[in-house]
């Protein structure tokens, strides 16, 4: 994988999603003195292409992406991998969450298949959680991974217009005060409410001090 020079950047994130880059900047700002937004860039900013994700765990896939990016850019690189783990399915879909129904990224098909598979599972056995592995790899070979988990239960039908993927069916155990007894799915939370408890936010906040120490 080849990439363009990263200019004045100090850290590159393995994503082509500008929103995720902005989220990482916001997480790092309180712990990295003098951090400028231009210091943190995404893979698209340096022309980097993603590697094949053939790891068998979230951590392995996150490390694969971070290693490839650090090698291509010569910069400290951060990557994450995440998915939904359902208790009665032995942790599946897990690393296959994005392609559970066959086609990568078909959220509607993935959700429909999952709900069909769990149609006869009683409410007390519908425990599940989102898991995220966030990895930092530096050009000198340093590697560190943090794991974030958001536990909850699966609703029987999708609710909410926010979020993406399986957000409309996971009812997190931690609910905002405004829920007032009505259990909300992740897709019914505001972005701020979701980020405060999300698996991804938890993993990146845990990784932030290590990133700060390496910049």
N, C-alpha and C. Protein backbone atom coordinates (compact mmCIF):
# COMPACT_ATOMS: atom_id res chain seq x y z
N UNK A 1 0.85 -1.19 0.00
CA UNK A 1 0.00 0.00 0.00
C UNK A 1 0.88 1.24 0.00
N UNK A 2 0.65 2.16 -0.90
CA UNK A 2 1.41 3.40 -0.95
C UNK A 2 0.52 4.56 -0.58
N UNK A 3 1.13 5.63 -0.11
CA UNK A 3 0.35 6.79 0.32
C UNK A 3 1.13 8.06 0.02
N UNK A 4 0.39 9.16 -0.09
CA UNK A 4 1.03 10.46 -0.28
C UNK A 4 1.68 10.92 1.01
N UNK A 5 2.66 11.80 0.93
CA UNK A 5 3.24 12.35 2.16
C UNK A 5 2.15 13.00 3.01
N UNK A 6 2.29 12.89 4.31
CA UNK A 6 1.24 13.37 5.21
C UNK A 6 1.43 14.82 5.64
N UNK A 7 2.37 15.54 5.05
CA UNK A 7 2.56 16.94 5.36
C UNK A 7 2.92 17.15 6.81
N UNK A 8 2.21 18.07 7.47
CA UNK A 8 2.51 18.40 8.86
C UNK A 8 1.73 17.54 9.86
N UNK A 9 1.00 16.53 9.37
CA UNK A 9 0.19 15.69 10.25
C UNK A 9 1.07 14.94 11.25
N UNK A 10 0.50 14.70 12.44
CA UNK A 10 1.21 13.96 13.49
C UNK A 10 0.59 12.60 13.75
N UNK A 11 -0.64 12.39 13.28
CA UNK A 11 -1.35 11.15 13.55
C UNK A 11 -2.34 10.90 12.42
N UNK A 12 -2.45 9.64 11.98
CA UNK A 12 -3.39 9.31 10.91
C UNK A 12 -4.34 8.23 11.40
N UNK A 13 -5.63 8.40 11.07
CA UNK A 13 -6.68 7.48 11.49
C UNK A 13 -7.14 6.66 10.29
N UNK A 14 -7.25 5.36 10.47
CA UNK A 14 -7.61 4.45 9.38
C UNK A 14 -9.11 4.52 9.08
N UNK A 15 -9.52 5.63 8.50
CA UNK A 15 -10.90 5.79 8.07
C UNK A 15 -10.95 6.80 6.94
N UNK A 16 -11.95 6.65 6.08
CA UNK A 16 -12.21 7.64 5.04
C UNK A 16 -13.42 8.50 5.41
N UNK A 17 -13.86 8.37 6.67
CA UNK A 17 -15.03 9.08 7.18
C UNK A 17 -14.57 10.33 7.93
N UNK A 18 -14.87 11.51 7.40
CA UNK A 18 -14.44 12.76 8.01
C UNK A 18 -15.03 12.94 9.39
N UNK A 19 -16.25 12.42 9.63
CA UNK A 19 -16.88 12.54 10.95
C UNK A 19 -16.05 11.81 12.00
N UNK A 20 -15.54 10.63 11.66
CA UNK A 20 -14.74 9.86 12.61
C UNK A 20 -13.42 10.57 12.92
N UNK A 21 -12.85 11.23 11.92
CA UNK A 21 -11.62 12.00 12.15
C UNK A 21 -11.90 13.13 13.14
N UNK A 22 -13.01 13.82 12.93
CA UNK A 22 -13.40 14.90 13.83
C UNK A 22 -13.65 14.40 15.24
N UNK A 23 -14.25 13.21 15.36
CA UNK A 23 -14.50 12.62 16.67
C UNK A 23 -13.19 12.34 17.41
N UNK A 24 -12.21 11.79 16.68
CA UNK A 24 -10.92 11.51 17.30
C UNK A 24 -10.22 12.80 17.73
N UNK A 25 -10.31 13.82 16.91
CA UNK A 25 -9.73 15.12 17.28
C UNK A 25 -10.34 15.61 18.60
N UNK A 26 -11.66 15.48 18.73
CA UNK A 26 -12.34 15.96 19.93
C UNK A 26 -11.94 15.16 21.17
N UNK A 27 -11.72 13.85 21.00
CA UNK A 27 -11.32 13.01 22.12
C UNK A 27 -9.89 13.33 22.55
N UNK A 28 -9.02 13.60 21.59
CA UNK A 28 -7.61 13.84 21.89
C UNK A 28 -7.33 15.24 22.41
N UNK A 29 -8.14 16.20 22.01
CA UNK A 29 -7.87 17.61 22.35
C UNK A 29 -7.62 17.83 23.84
N UNK A 30 -8.39 17.24 24.75
CA UNK A 30 -8.16 17.50 26.18
C UNK A 30 -6.88 16.86 26.73
N UNK A 31 -6.32 15.86 26.03
CA UNK A 31 -5.18 15.14 26.60
C UNK A 31 -3.87 15.36 25.85
N UNK A 32 -3.92 16.04 24.70
CA UNK A 32 -2.70 16.33 23.94
C UNK A 32 -2.51 17.84 23.89
N UNK A 33 -1.57 18.34 24.65
CA UNK A 33 -1.34 19.78 24.71
C UNK A 33 -0.93 20.32 23.35
N UNK A 34 -1.58 21.42 22.94
CA UNK A 34 -1.22 22.07 21.69
C UNK A 34 -1.65 21.35 20.44
N UNK A 35 -2.55 20.37 20.56
CA UNK A 35 -3.00 19.63 19.39
C UNK A 35 -3.81 20.53 18.47
N UNK A 36 -3.41 20.57 17.21
CA UNK A 36 -4.13 21.33 16.19
C UNK A 36 -4.96 20.35 15.37
N UNK A 37 -6.17 20.73 14.93
CA UNK A 37 -6.96 19.81 14.12
C UNK A 37 -6.22 19.25 12.91
N UNK A 38 -5.33 20.06 12.33
CA UNK A 38 -4.57 19.60 11.17
C UNK A 38 -3.57 18.51 11.51
N UNK A 39 -3.30 18.33 12.82
CA UNK A 39 -2.36 17.30 13.25
C UNK A 39 -2.91 15.90 13.05
N UNK A 40 -4.26 15.77 13.01
CA UNK A 40 -4.92 14.47 12.89
C UNK A 40 -5.63 14.40 11.55
N UNK A 41 -5.26 13.42 10.74
CA UNK A 41 -5.85 13.29 9.40
C UNK A 41 -6.38 11.87 9.23
N UNK A 42 -7.19 11.70 8.18
CA UNK A 42 -7.74 10.39 7.85
C UNK A 42 -6.97 9.74 6.73
N UNK A 43 -7.25 8.47 6.49
CA UNK A 43 -6.57 7.72 5.43
C UNK A 43 -6.77 8.37 4.07
N UNK A 44 -7.95 8.95 3.85
CA UNK A 44 -8.23 9.58 2.56
C UNK A 44 -7.33 10.78 2.32
N UNK A 45 -6.94 11.47 3.40
CA UNK A 45 -6.10 12.66 3.27
C UNK A 45 -4.69 12.33 2.80
N UNK A 46 -4.27 11.09 3.00
CA UNK A 46 -2.93 10.69 2.58
C UNK A 46 -2.97 9.67 1.45
N UNK A 47 -4.15 9.42 0.89
CA UNK A 47 -4.29 8.51 -0.24
C UNK A 47 -4.03 7.06 0.09
N UNK A 48 -4.29 6.65 1.32
CA UNK A 48 -4.02 5.28 1.75
C UNK A 48 -5.24 4.39 1.51
N UNK A 49 -5.00 3.19 0.99
CA UNK A 49 -6.06 2.22 0.75
C UNK A 49 -6.08 1.20 1.89
N UNK A 50 -7.27 0.73 2.27
CA UNK A 50 -7.36 -0.22 3.39
C UNK A 50 -6.81 -1.59 3.01
N UNK A 51 -6.19 -2.29 3.97
CA UNK A 51 -5.70 -3.64 3.72
C UNK A 51 -6.84 -4.65 3.82
N UNK A 52 -6.58 -5.88 3.45
CA UNK A 52 -7.55 -6.96 3.62
C UNK A 52 -7.67 -7.26 5.11
N UNK A 53 -8.90 -7.26 5.62
CA UNK A 53 -9.13 -7.54 7.04
C UNK A 53 -9.40 -9.03 7.22
N UNK A 54 -8.34 -9.80 7.43
CA UNK A 54 -8.50 -11.25 7.56
C UNK A 54 -8.17 -11.75 8.96
N UNK A 55 -8.20 -10.85 9.95
CA UNK A 55 -8.01 -11.26 11.33
C UNK A 55 -9.24 -11.97 11.85
N UNK A 56 -9.08 -12.70 12.95
CA UNK A 56 -10.20 -13.45 13.51
C UNK A 56 -10.74 -12.82 14.79
N UNK A 57 -10.22 -11.66 15.16
CA UNK A 57 -10.73 -10.91 16.31
C UNK A 57 -10.79 -9.43 15.94
N UNK A 58 -11.55 -8.66 16.73
CA UNK A 58 -11.60 -7.22 16.51
C UNK A 58 -10.20 -6.61 16.66
N UNK A 59 -9.46 -7.04 17.67
CA UNK A 59 -8.13 -6.50 17.91
C UNK A 59 -7.19 -6.80 16.75
N UNK A 60 -7.27 -8.01 16.22
CA UNK A 60 -6.39 -8.39 15.11
C UNK A 60 -6.67 -7.52 13.88
N UNK A 61 -7.93 -7.28 13.58
CA UNK A 61 -8.27 -6.46 12.42
C UNK A 61 -7.88 -5.00 12.63
N UNK A 62 -8.06 -4.48 13.84
CA UNK A 62 -7.65 -3.11 14.12
C UNK A 62 -6.14 -2.96 13.95
N UNK A 63 -5.39 -3.93 14.44
CA UNK A 63 -3.93 -3.88 14.31
C UNK A 63 -3.50 -4.00 12.85
N UNK A 64 -4.17 -4.83 12.08
CA UNK A 64 -3.85 -4.97 10.66
C UNK A 64 -3.94 -3.61 9.96
N UNK A 65 -5.03 -2.90 10.23
CA UNK A 65 -5.24 -1.61 9.58
C UNK A 65 -4.24 -0.56 10.06
N UNK A 66 -3.98 -0.54 11.36
CA UNK A 66 -3.05 0.45 11.90
C UNK A 66 -1.62 0.19 11.43
N UNK A 67 -1.21 -1.09 11.39
CA UNK A 67 0.14 -1.42 10.93
C UNK A 67 0.34 -0.99 9.48
N UNK A 68 -0.64 -1.28 8.64
CA UNK A 68 -0.53 -0.93 7.23
C UNK A 68 -0.42 0.57 7.04
N UNK A 69 -1.19 1.31 7.81
CA UNK A 69 -1.20 2.77 7.68
C UNK A 69 0.10 3.39 8.20
N UNK A 70 0.60 2.88 9.31
CA UNK A 70 1.86 3.38 9.85
C UNK A 70 3.01 3.11 8.88
N UNK A 71 2.98 1.93 8.27
CA UNK A 71 4.01 1.56 7.30
C UNK A 71 3.95 2.45 6.06
N UNK A 72 2.74 2.78 5.63
CA UNK A 72 2.58 3.55 4.41
C UNK A 72 2.89 5.03 4.58
N UNK A 73 2.66 5.56 5.78
CA UNK A 73 2.79 7.00 6.00
C UNK A 73 3.99 7.41 6.83
N UNK A 74 4.54 6.47 7.60
CA UNK A 74 5.62 6.83 8.51
C UNK A 74 5.15 7.62 9.71
N UNK A 75 3.84 7.58 9.97
CA UNK A 75 3.24 8.30 11.09
C UNK A 75 2.62 7.32 12.09
N UNK A 76 2.45 7.73 13.34
CA UNK A 76 1.64 6.94 14.25
C UNK A 76 0.24 6.78 13.65
N UNK A 77 -0.29 5.58 13.72
CA UNK A 77 -1.57 5.31 13.08
C UNK A 77 -2.54 4.67 14.08
N UNK A 78 -3.80 5.06 13.96
CA UNK A 78 -4.86 4.55 14.82
C UNK A 78 -5.93 3.92 13.94
N UNK A 79 -6.43 2.77 14.38
CA UNK A 79 -7.50 2.09 13.65
C UNK A 79 -8.43 1.42 14.63
N UNK A 80 -9.65 1.17 14.21
CA UNK A 80 -10.56 0.44 15.07
C UNK A 80 -11.34 -0.58 14.27
N UNK A 81 -11.86 -1.57 14.96
CA UNK A 81 -12.74 -2.57 14.36
C UNK A 81 -13.81 -2.89 15.38
N UNK A 82 -15.04 -3.01 14.92
CA UNK A 82 -16.13 -3.20 15.87
C UNK A 82 -17.25 -4.01 15.27
N UNK A 83 -18.16 -4.46 16.13
CA UNK A 83 -19.30 -5.23 15.66
C UNK A 83 -20.23 -5.57 16.82
N UNK A 84 -21.29 -6.28 16.48
CA UNK A 84 -22.29 -6.68 17.45
C UNK A 84 -22.06 -8.14 17.87
N UNK A 85 -22.06 -8.39 19.16
CA UNK A 85 -21.87 -9.74 19.68
C UNK A 85 -23.13 -10.15 20.45
N UNK A 86 -23.80 -11.18 19.96
CA UNK A 86 -25.06 -11.63 20.56
C UNK A 86 -24.82 -12.87 21.41
N UNK A 87 -25.27 -12.83 22.63
CA UNK A 87 -24.98 -13.90 23.59
C UNK A 87 -25.42 -15.28 23.09
N UNK A 88 -26.68 -15.40 22.66
CA UNK A 88 -27.19 -16.72 22.28
C UNK A 88 -26.61 -17.22 20.97
N UNK A 89 -25.92 -16.35 20.25
CA UNK A 89 -25.26 -16.76 19.01
C UNK A 89 -23.77 -16.99 19.24
N UNK A 90 -23.38 -17.09 20.51
CA UNK A 90 -21.99 -17.36 20.82
C UNK A 90 -21.05 -16.23 20.45
N UNK A 91 -21.57 -14.99 20.45
CA UNK A 91 -20.74 -13.84 20.11
C UNK A 91 -20.84 -13.40 18.67
N UNK A 92 -21.55 -14.13 17.83
CA UNK A 92 -21.80 -13.71 16.45
C UNK A 92 -22.85 -12.59 16.46
N UNK A 93 -22.92 -11.79 15.39
CA UNK A 93 -22.10 -11.79 14.18
C UNK A 93 -20.63 -11.43 14.39
N UNK A 94 -20.29 -10.71 15.47
CA UNK A 94 -18.90 -10.40 15.76
C UNK A 94 -18.18 -9.71 14.63
N UNK A 95 -17.02 -10.26 14.25
CA UNK A 95 -16.23 -9.62 13.19
C UNK A 95 -16.91 -9.67 11.83
N UNK A 96 -17.98 -10.46 11.72
CA UNK A 96 -18.73 -10.55 10.46
C UNK A 96 -19.96 -9.65 10.45
N UNK A 97 -20.07 -8.75 11.41
CA UNK A 97 -21.28 -7.93 11.56
C UNK A 97 -21.64 -7.17 10.30
N UNK A 98 -20.65 -6.59 9.63
CA UNK A 98 -20.93 -5.75 8.46
C UNK A 98 -21.36 -6.56 7.24
N UNK A 99 -21.13 -7.87 7.26
CA UNK A 99 -21.49 -8.71 6.11
C UNK A 99 -22.26 -9.96 6.53
N UNK A 100 -23.03 -9.84 7.60
CA UNK A 100 -23.76 -10.98 8.15
C UNK A 100 -24.72 -11.58 7.13
N UNK A 101 -25.34 -10.76 6.31
CA UNK A 101 -26.29 -11.26 5.31
C UNK A 101 -25.63 -11.56 3.97
N UNK A 102 -24.32 -11.35 3.87
CA UNK A 102 -23.60 -11.69 2.63
C UNK A 102 -22.89 -10.52 2.00
N UNK A 103 -23.61 -9.43 1.73
CA UNK A 103 -23.02 -8.25 1.09
C UNK A 103 -22.50 -7.29 2.15
N UNK A 104 -21.28 -6.86 2.01
CA UNK A 104 -20.68 -5.96 2.99
C UNK A 104 -21.42 -4.62 3.05
N UNK A 105 -21.80 -4.23 4.26
CA UNK A 105 -22.39 -2.91 4.45
C UNK A 105 -23.88 -2.80 4.16
N UNK A 106 -24.58 -3.93 3.92
CA UNK A 106 -26.02 -3.87 3.68
C UNK A 106 -26.73 -3.92 5.03
N UNK A 107 -26.86 -2.76 5.66
CA UNK A 107 -27.41 -2.68 7.01
C UNK A 107 -28.80 -3.28 7.12
N UNK A 108 -29.66 -2.98 6.16
CA UNK A 108 -31.04 -3.45 6.23
C UNK A 108 -31.10 -4.98 6.17
N UNK A 109 -30.32 -5.57 5.28
CA UNK A 109 -30.31 -7.03 5.15
C UNK A 109 -29.70 -7.69 6.38
N UNK A 110 -28.63 -7.12 6.89
CA UNK A 110 -28.00 -7.67 8.09
C UNK A 110 -28.97 -7.67 9.27
N UNK A 111 -29.67 -6.56 9.43
CA UNK A 111 -30.61 -6.41 10.53
C UNK A 111 -31.79 -7.38 10.40
N UNK A 112 -32.31 -7.49 9.18
CA UNK A 112 -33.45 -8.38 8.94
C UNK A 112 -33.08 -9.84 9.22
N UNK A 113 -31.89 -10.24 8.79
CA UNK A 113 -31.46 -11.62 9.03
C UNK A 113 -31.28 -11.89 10.52
N UNK A 114 -30.65 -10.97 11.22
CA UNK A 114 -30.43 -11.16 12.65
C UNK A 114 -31.75 -11.29 13.40
N UNK A 115 -32.70 -10.41 13.11
CA UNK A 115 -33.98 -10.46 13.81
C UNK A 115 -34.73 -11.76 13.50
N UNK A 116 -34.61 -12.24 12.27
CA UNK A 116 -35.25 -13.50 11.90
C UNK A 116 -34.63 -14.67 12.66
N UNK A 117 -33.31 -14.64 12.81
CA UNK A 117 -32.62 -15.70 13.53
C UNK A 117 -32.99 -15.74 15.01
N UNK A 118 -33.36 -14.58 15.56
CA UNK A 118 -33.66 -14.48 16.98
C UNK A 118 -35.16 -14.39 17.27
N UNK A 119 -35.97 -14.63 16.28
CA UNK A 119 -37.42 -14.43 16.43
C UNK A 119 -38.01 -15.22 17.59
N UNK A 120 -37.52 -16.43 17.85
CA UNK A 120 -38.09 -17.27 18.90
C UNK A 120 -37.34 -17.17 20.23
N UNK A 121 -36.35 -16.27 20.30
CA UNK A 121 -35.57 -16.13 21.53
C UNK A 121 -36.31 -15.22 22.49
N UNK A 122 -36.61 -15.69 23.71
CA UNK A 122 -37.35 -14.84 24.66
C UNK A 122 -36.54 -13.63 25.11
N UNK A 123 -37.24 -12.64 25.59
CA UNK A 123 -36.61 -11.36 25.95
C UNK A 123 -35.46 -11.52 26.93
N UNK A 124 -35.61 -12.43 27.90
CA UNK A 124 -34.57 -12.56 28.93
C UNK A 124 -33.27 -13.16 28.39
N UNK A 125 -33.30 -13.67 27.17
CA UNK A 125 -32.10 -14.26 26.57
C UNK A 125 -31.60 -13.47 25.36
N UNK A 126 -32.02 -12.21 25.26
CA UNK A 126 -31.64 -11.40 24.10
C UNK A 126 -30.49 -10.43 24.42
N UNK A 127 -29.65 -10.80 25.36
CA UNK A 127 -28.51 -9.98 25.71
C UNK A 127 -27.51 -9.88 24.56
N UNK A 128 -26.92 -8.71 24.41
CA UNK A 128 -25.97 -8.48 23.32
C UNK A 128 -25.15 -7.24 23.64
N UNK A 129 -24.16 -6.99 22.85
CA UNK A 129 -23.36 -5.79 23.06
C UNK A 129 -22.50 -5.46 21.85
N UNK A 130 -22.25 -4.18 21.68
CA UNK A 130 -21.29 -3.74 20.69
C UNK A 130 -19.90 -3.80 21.31
N UNK A 131 -18.92 -4.27 20.55
CA UNK A 131 -17.52 -4.29 20.99
C UNK A 131 -16.67 -3.54 19.99
N UNK A 132 -15.71 -2.77 20.49
CA UNK A 132 -14.78 -2.03 19.63
C UNK A 132 -13.36 -2.24 20.14
N UNK A 133 -12.47 -2.56 19.23
CA UNK A 133 -11.03 -2.59 19.52
C UNK A 133 -10.40 -1.40 18.82
N UNK A 134 -9.70 -0.56 19.57
CA UNK A 134 -9.00 0.60 19.01
C UNK A 134 -7.50 0.37 19.18
N UNK A 135 -6.75 0.48 18.09
CA UNK A 135 -5.32 0.16 18.11
C UNK A 135 -4.47 1.36 17.70
N UNK A 136 -3.35 1.50 18.37
CA UNK A 136 -2.32 2.47 18.00
C UNK A 136 -1.07 1.71 17.59
N UNK A 137 -0.50 2.04 16.42
CA UNK A 137 0.77 1.47 15.96
C UNK A 137 1.66 2.62 15.52
N UNK A 138 2.89 2.63 15.98
CA UNK A 138 3.84 3.68 15.59
C UNK A 138 4.90 3.09 14.65
N UNK A 139 5.54 3.93 13.85
CA UNK A 139 6.53 3.43 12.88
C UNK A 139 7.68 2.66 13.52
N UNK A 140 7.96 2.90 14.81
CA UNK A 140 9.06 2.18 15.46
C UNK A 140 8.64 0.82 16.02
N UNK A 141 7.39 0.42 15.75
CA UNK A 141 6.94 -0.91 16.14
C UNK A 141 6.12 -0.99 17.42
N UNK A 142 5.90 0.13 18.08
CA UNK A 142 5.06 0.13 19.28
C UNK A 142 3.62 -0.15 18.91
N UNK A 143 2.95 -1.02 19.69
CA UNK A 143 1.54 -1.34 19.45
C UNK A 143 0.78 -1.37 20.77
N UNK A 144 -0.45 -0.86 20.74
CA UNK A 144 -1.29 -0.88 21.94
C UNK A 144 -2.75 -0.94 21.51
N UNK A 145 -3.54 -1.75 22.20
CA UNK A 145 -4.96 -1.93 21.89
C UNK A 145 -5.80 -1.71 23.14
N UNK A 146 -6.92 -1.02 22.98
CA UNK A 146 -7.91 -0.87 24.05
C UNK A 146 -9.25 -1.38 23.54
N UNK A 147 -10.03 -1.96 24.44
CA UNK A 147 -11.33 -2.52 24.08
C UNK A 147 -12.44 -1.73 24.78
N UNK A 148 -13.49 -1.41 24.03
CA UNK A 148 -14.67 -0.77 24.59
C UNK A 148 -15.90 -1.61 24.31
N UNK A 149 -16.80 -1.70 25.28
CA UNK A 149 -18.01 -2.52 25.14
C UNK A 149 -19.24 -1.71 25.56
N UNK A 150 -20.31 -1.85 24.80
CA UNK A 150 -21.60 -1.26 25.16
C UNK A 150 -22.61 -2.39 25.26
N UNK A 151 -23.00 -2.74 26.48
CA UNK A 151 -23.92 -3.85 26.70
C UNK A 151 -25.37 -3.40 26.65
N UNK A 152 -26.24 -4.35 26.27
CA UNK A 152 -27.65 -4.07 26.21
C UNK A 152 -28.45 -5.31 25.85
N UNK A 153 -29.66 -5.08 25.34
CA UNK A 153 -30.52 -6.17 24.89
C UNK A 153 -31.09 -5.82 23.53
N UNK A 154 -31.45 -6.85 22.78
CA UNK A 154 -31.96 -6.64 21.43
C UNK A 154 -33.47 -6.50 21.43
N UNK A 155 -33.94 -5.41 20.81
CA UNK A 155 -35.37 -5.21 20.62
C UNK A 155 -35.87 -6.19 19.56
N UNK A 156 -37.18 -6.31 19.44
CA UNK A 156 -37.75 -7.25 18.48
C UNK A 156 -37.99 -6.61 17.11
N UNK A 157 -37.90 -5.29 17.05
CA UNK A 157 -38.04 -4.59 15.78
C UNK A 157 -37.24 -3.30 15.85
N UNK A 158 -36.81 -2.78 14.72
CA UNK A 158 -35.99 -1.56 14.71
C UNK A 158 -36.77 -0.34 15.19
N UNK A 159 -36.08 0.54 15.93
CA UNK A 159 -36.68 1.80 16.38
C UNK A 159 -35.62 2.89 16.29
N UNK A 160 -36.03 4.04 15.74
CA UNK A 160 -35.13 5.19 15.70
C UNK A 160 -34.55 5.45 14.33
N UNK A 161 -34.20 6.69 14.10
CA UNK A 161 -33.68 7.11 12.80
C UNK A 161 -32.19 7.45 12.83
N UNK A 162 -31.60 7.47 14.01
CA UNK A 162 -30.20 7.84 14.13
C UNK A 162 -29.28 6.64 14.00
N UNK A 163 -27.97 6.91 14.07
CA UNK A 163 -26.99 5.84 14.06
C UNK A 163 -26.94 5.09 12.75
N UNK A 164 -26.45 3.86 12.81
CA UNK A 164 -26.31 3.03 11.61
C UNK A 164 -26.14 1.58 12.06
N UNK A 165 -26.05 0.68 11.10
CA UNK A 165 -25.84 -0.73 11.42
C UNK A 165 -26.94 -1.30 12.29
N UNK A 166 -26.55 -1.86 13.43
CA UNK A 166 -27.49 -2.51 14.34
C UNK A 166 -28.02 -1.57 15.42
N UNK A 167 -27.70 -0.29 15.32
CA UNK A 167 -28.16 0.68 16.33
C UNK A 167 -29.67 0.63 16.58
N UNK A 168 -30.51 0.43 15.54
CA UNK A 168 -31.95 0.46 15.79
C UNK A 168 -32.49 -0.68 16.64
N UNK A 169 -31.69 -1.71 16.91
CA UNK A 169 -32.21 -2.83 17.70
C UNK A 169 -31.48 -3.05 19.02
N UNK A 170 -30.38 -2.37 19.27
CA UNK A 170 -29.73 -2.54 20.57
C UNK A 170 -30.24 -1.50 21.56
N UNK A 171 -30.82 -1.99 22.64
CA UNK A 171 -31.28 -1.14 23.74
C UNK A 171 -30.19 -1.17 24.80
N UNK A 172 -29.40 -0.10 24.93
CA UNK A 172 -28.29 -0.13 25.88
C UNK A 172 -28.78 -0.19 27.33
N UNK A 173 -28.00 -0.87 28.17
CA UNK A 173 -28.35 -0.94 29.59
C UNK A 173 -28.34 0.44 30.23
N UNK A 174 -27.40 1.28 29.81
CA UNK A 174 -27.30 2.64 30.35
C UNK A 174 -28.19 3.57 29.52
N UNK A 175 -29.22 4.09 30.16
CA UNK A 175 -30.19 4.93 29.46
C UNK A 175 -30.08 6.38 29.92
N UNK A 176 -30.36 7.36 29.02
CA UNK A 176 -30.32 8.76 29.43
C UNK A 176 -31.48 9.09 30.35
N UNK A 177 -31.31 10.13 31.14
CA UNK A 177 -32.35 10.52 32.10
C UNK A 177 -33.67 10.81 31.41
N UNK A 178 -33.60 11.37 30.21
CA UNK A 178 -34.84 11.76 29.52
C UNK A 178 -35.68 10.55 29.10
N UNK A 179 -35.10 9.34 29.12
CA UNK A 179 -35.84 8.16 28.72
C UNK A 179 -37.05 7.95 29.63
N UNK A 180 -36.90 8.31 30.91
CA UNK A 180 -38.01 8.29 31.87
C UNK A 180 -38.79 6.98 31.84
N UNK A 181 -38.08 5.86 31.87
CA UNK A 181 -38.74 4.57 31.92
C UNK A 181 -38.97 3.93 30.57
N UNK A 182 -38.93 4.71 29.49
CA UNK A 182 -39.08 4.13 28.15
C UNK A 182 -37.69 3.79 27.64
N UNK A 183 -37.45 2.53 27.37
CA UNK A 183 -36.12 2.10 26.97
C UNK A 183 -35.86 2.48 25.50
N UNK A 184 -34.78 3.21 25.28
CA UNK A 184 -34.45 3.71 23.94
C UNK A 184 -33.38 2.83 23.30
N UNK A 185 -33.47 2.68 21.98
CA UNK A 185 -32.40 2.00 21.24
C UNK A 185 -31.28 3.00 20.98
N UNK A 186 -30.15 2.50 20.54
CA UNK A 186 -29.03 3.39 20.21
C UNK A 186 -29.42 4.37 19.11
N UNK A 187 -30.31 3.96 18.22
CA UNK A 187 -30.74 4.82 17.12
C UNK A 187 -31.70 5.91 17.58
N UNK A 188 -32.20 5.81 18.81
CA UNK A 188 -33.08 6.85 19.36
C UNK A 188 -32.32 7.82 20.26
N UNK A 189 -31.05 7.56 20.51
CA UNK A 189 -30.23 8.47 21.30
C UNK A 189 -29.73 9.62 20.44
N UNK A 190 -29.45 10.75 21.07
CA UNK A 190 -28.80 11.83 20.35
C UNK A 190 -27.34 11.43 20.14
N UNK A 191 -26.65 12.05 19.17
CA UNK A 191 -25.23 11.73 18.98
C UNK A 191 -24.42 11.91 20.25
N UNK A 192 -24.74 12.94 21.03
CA UNK A 192 -24.00 13.20 22.27
C UNK A 192 -24.26 12.09 23.30
N UNK A 193 -25.51 11.66 23.41
CA UNK A 193 -25.85 10.58 24.35
C UNK A 193 -25.16 9.28 23.95
N UNK A 194 -25.17 9.00 22.66
CA UNK A 194 -24.55 7.76 22.18
C UNK A 194 -23.04 7.79 22.38
N UNK A 195 -22.39 8.89 22.02
CA UNK A 195 -20.94 8.98 22.14
C UNK A 195 -20.47 8.84 23.58
N UNK A 196 -21.30 9.30 24.52
CA UNK A 196 -20.92 9.26 25.94
C UNK A 196 -20.81 7.83 26.46
N UNK A 197 -21.56 6.89 25.86
CA UNK A 197 -21.56 5.52 26.37
C UNK A 197 -21.08 4.49 25.35
N UNK A 198 -20.85 4.92 24.12
CA UNK A 198 -20.59 3.96 23.05
C UNK A 198 -19.31 3.17 23.24
N UNK A 199 -19.30 1.99 22.65
CA UNK A 199 -18.12 1.13 22.65
C UNK A 199 -16.93 1.81 21.99
N UNK A 200 -17.21 2.54 20.92
CA UNK A 200 -16.13 3.21 20.20
C UNK A 200 -15.57 4.37 21.00
N UNK A 201 -16.47 5.18 21.58
CA UNK A 201 -16.02 6.29 22.41
C UNK A 201 -15.22 5.81 23.60
N UNK A 202 -15.67 4.72 24.23
CA UNK A 202 -14.97 4.16 25.39
C UNK A 202 -13.57 3.70 25.01
N UNK A 203 -13.46 2.99 23.88
CA UNK A 203 -12.16 2.47 23.45
C UNK A 203 -11.19 3.59 23.10
N UNK A 204 -11.66 4.60 22.39
CA UNK A 204 -10.78 5.70 21.99
C UNK A 204 -10.40 6.59 23.17
N UNK A 205 -11.33 6.79 24.10
CA UNK A 205 -10.98 7.58 25.28
C UNK A 205 -9.92 6.85 26.12
N UNK A 206 -10.02 5.52 26.17
CA UNK A 206 -9.02 4.74 26.90
C UNK A 206 -7.66 4.78 26.19
N UNK A 207 -7.69 4.84 24.86
CA UNK A 207 -6.45 4.85 24.08
C UNK A 207 -5.80 6.22 24.05
N UNK A 208 -6.58 7.27 24.28
CA UNK A 208 -6.09 8.65 24.12
C UNK A 208 -4.82 8.96 24.91
N UNK A 209 -4.72 8.57 26.20
CA UNK A 209 -3.47 8.90 26.92
C UNK A 209 -2.24 8.25 26.31
N UNK A 210 -2.37 7.04 25.78
CA UNK A 210 -1.25 6.36 25.13
C UNK A 210 -0.87 7.09 23.85
N UNK A 211 -1.88 7.53 23.10
CA UNK A 211 -1.62 8.30 21.89
C UNK A 211 -0.87 9.57 22.25
N UNK A 212 -1.36 10.25 23.27
CA UNK A 212 -0.74 11.51 23.69
C UNK A 212 0.72 11.32 24.05
N UNK A 213 1.03 10.21 24.70
CA UNK A 213 2.40 9.94 25.13
C UNK A 213 3.33 9.63 23.97
N UNK A 214 2.74 9.25 22.81
CA UNK A 214 3.54 8.85 21.66
C UNK A 214 3.62 9.93 20.59
N UNK A 215 2.90 11.02 20.73
CA UNK A 215 2.95 12.08 19.72
C UNK A 215 4.10 13.05 20.00
